[in-house]
Amino acid sequence: IKMAVHDFCIARQLCFSPCTVPYGRFMESLKCHHEDQVFVDGAISGYPVPACCVKFCPDALYGHLLAAADEEGCVRLLDTRRQSPVLLKELNPHNNAIFDVAWLPEGKQIATASGDTSIAILDVTTGTVLNRLKAHRSSVKSVDIKRDDPSMIVSSGREGNVLIWDMRCSPKGSAHRPVNCIFMAHLKTSLSKAAMKRHHQSIKKGNKCLANTQCGVTAALFHGNNKVASAGATDGIVKLWDLRRTYTFLKPQPPPAWKEFSQTGDPNRPYGFSSLASNPYESCLFASCLDDCIYMYETGDTCTSADRKDPVCAFSGHHNNTFYVKSVISPDGRYLLSGSSCHRAFIWEVDRPTAPPLMLVGHKSEVTAVAWCPSQLDKVSTCSDDNDIRIWKAVVSPTSTSSTSAEFVGSALPYRGDEHLKGAQLTMDAKRSKQLALEASPPPSKRHCGKSSLATLDAFFYC
């Protein structure tokens, strides 16, 4: 298995196509060492704050670099090559929460989506803000960069718009403007014409969306050639948009999508989606829904707009109660990783949706964002509302090393239903209460990621 993982990493560095790696054993041996548990302290307040997003760099050479964004608008860059993650840089591009982070393919710049209605393009080495994109009228919920064209950026906002940006275009004045705008992408069609007209007039005047429309777009990403996928907060629909078409906000009705996908269940009670993920071949979409299911949709070029609209399959077993729970696909597309409101992360096999998932147990609160390392397939990252970030690595034989079971703060466990979840949670709560009673102060092993000494980023890029 180790040789297969090594061959996979070499293939990625040589720009080969994604290959299949038999690393199922690594999933069952995932553990989190206490030194791989990073506690986040606010750069402004100094108090513990939860991380909203974690993303590994997609470049194979810098795949161990992890970007973690928090609720105070700070982005921290962590080097996860060693057992104890090293804080390389602290970036402060916003004064509000950062909901999403996107890496440029070469790994030298990142884009951040914030609640201050702007998107910041940051230079990782210097920490300066190269560009600031301002066109949303409410919180920016997601941002994505096209793989084969890093100058193309897509973002979605709570006001219901999906914006397409082209950084090659000259800025108008002092700021870039979007080259295309999908206006009211997920506005409910059940609204009356009068309500749509009032909403349209409110947006044209520069105001926020009306409270009763609930047309927010929680996720948007590039998917396939000239396509963008988006998910709504309340309509229960995933839409594919053709970027070769120019959309307009002159009409009060929402524009028609190239293709639409609906969720299963009661059509009179649609649930919103919290995140979208695409497989490496961009032939399938995985939509995390608030009905405690992750739906898989086929979106290949051979599928026309009149073909399948229902999901191919659904992955269940976790609980999703908020829009902060995210999901991600493994680099080879064989596994699906998701956070959960029941204090743990879940891993499914994509080819076996009905099989019981694997649980990553150890967090104290809701697990929100998750990330999968592209250069080390047996490494994943999770963040939670308990104000910590955890790096999970495969430990094949813990008895052969100096580490003992007491030094691990999380491990992978098989899923046995909701009763097992409750029992595991009660066990973890009892252990946690006992530990808090014995320890009046945080142990020295806790690694606080705050205003501490920072490693130089030059050493990271040129080592």
Foldseek 3Di string as FASTA:
>chain_A
DVVQLVVQLVCVLVVHAFDDGPPPVLQQQKFFFLLQKAFEADQPPRHFFFWQAKEAQQEQLRLQWIWTWTFQQKIWIWRVPDSHIATFDIARPDRGGWNEKEAQNVRQWIWTFGQVQKIFIAGNAVNDTPAIAHDGLGGWQYKYADNVQRQWMWTFWQLQKIFIGGNVDDDDPRHRDTPAMQHLQQFDPPDDPVLLVVQLVCVVVSHGGDPVRQSGWNEWYDFPDQWIWTWGQFQQKIFIARNVDHDDSPDSDGDDGQAMAGEDDDNVGHWTWQYWEAASVRQWIWTHTQVQKIFIAGDDPVAGRPDDRYGPDIAGDAHHHDSQKYKYAQNSRQKIWIWHQLFWIWIDGPVCRPDFIKIKHFGLGTWGYKYARNNRRSWIWIIGRVRIITIIGRDSDQVVDPDDPVSTRIRIDTDDHPVVSVVSNVVNVVVVVVVCVVDVDDDPSHHYPYPDDHHNVVVVVPD
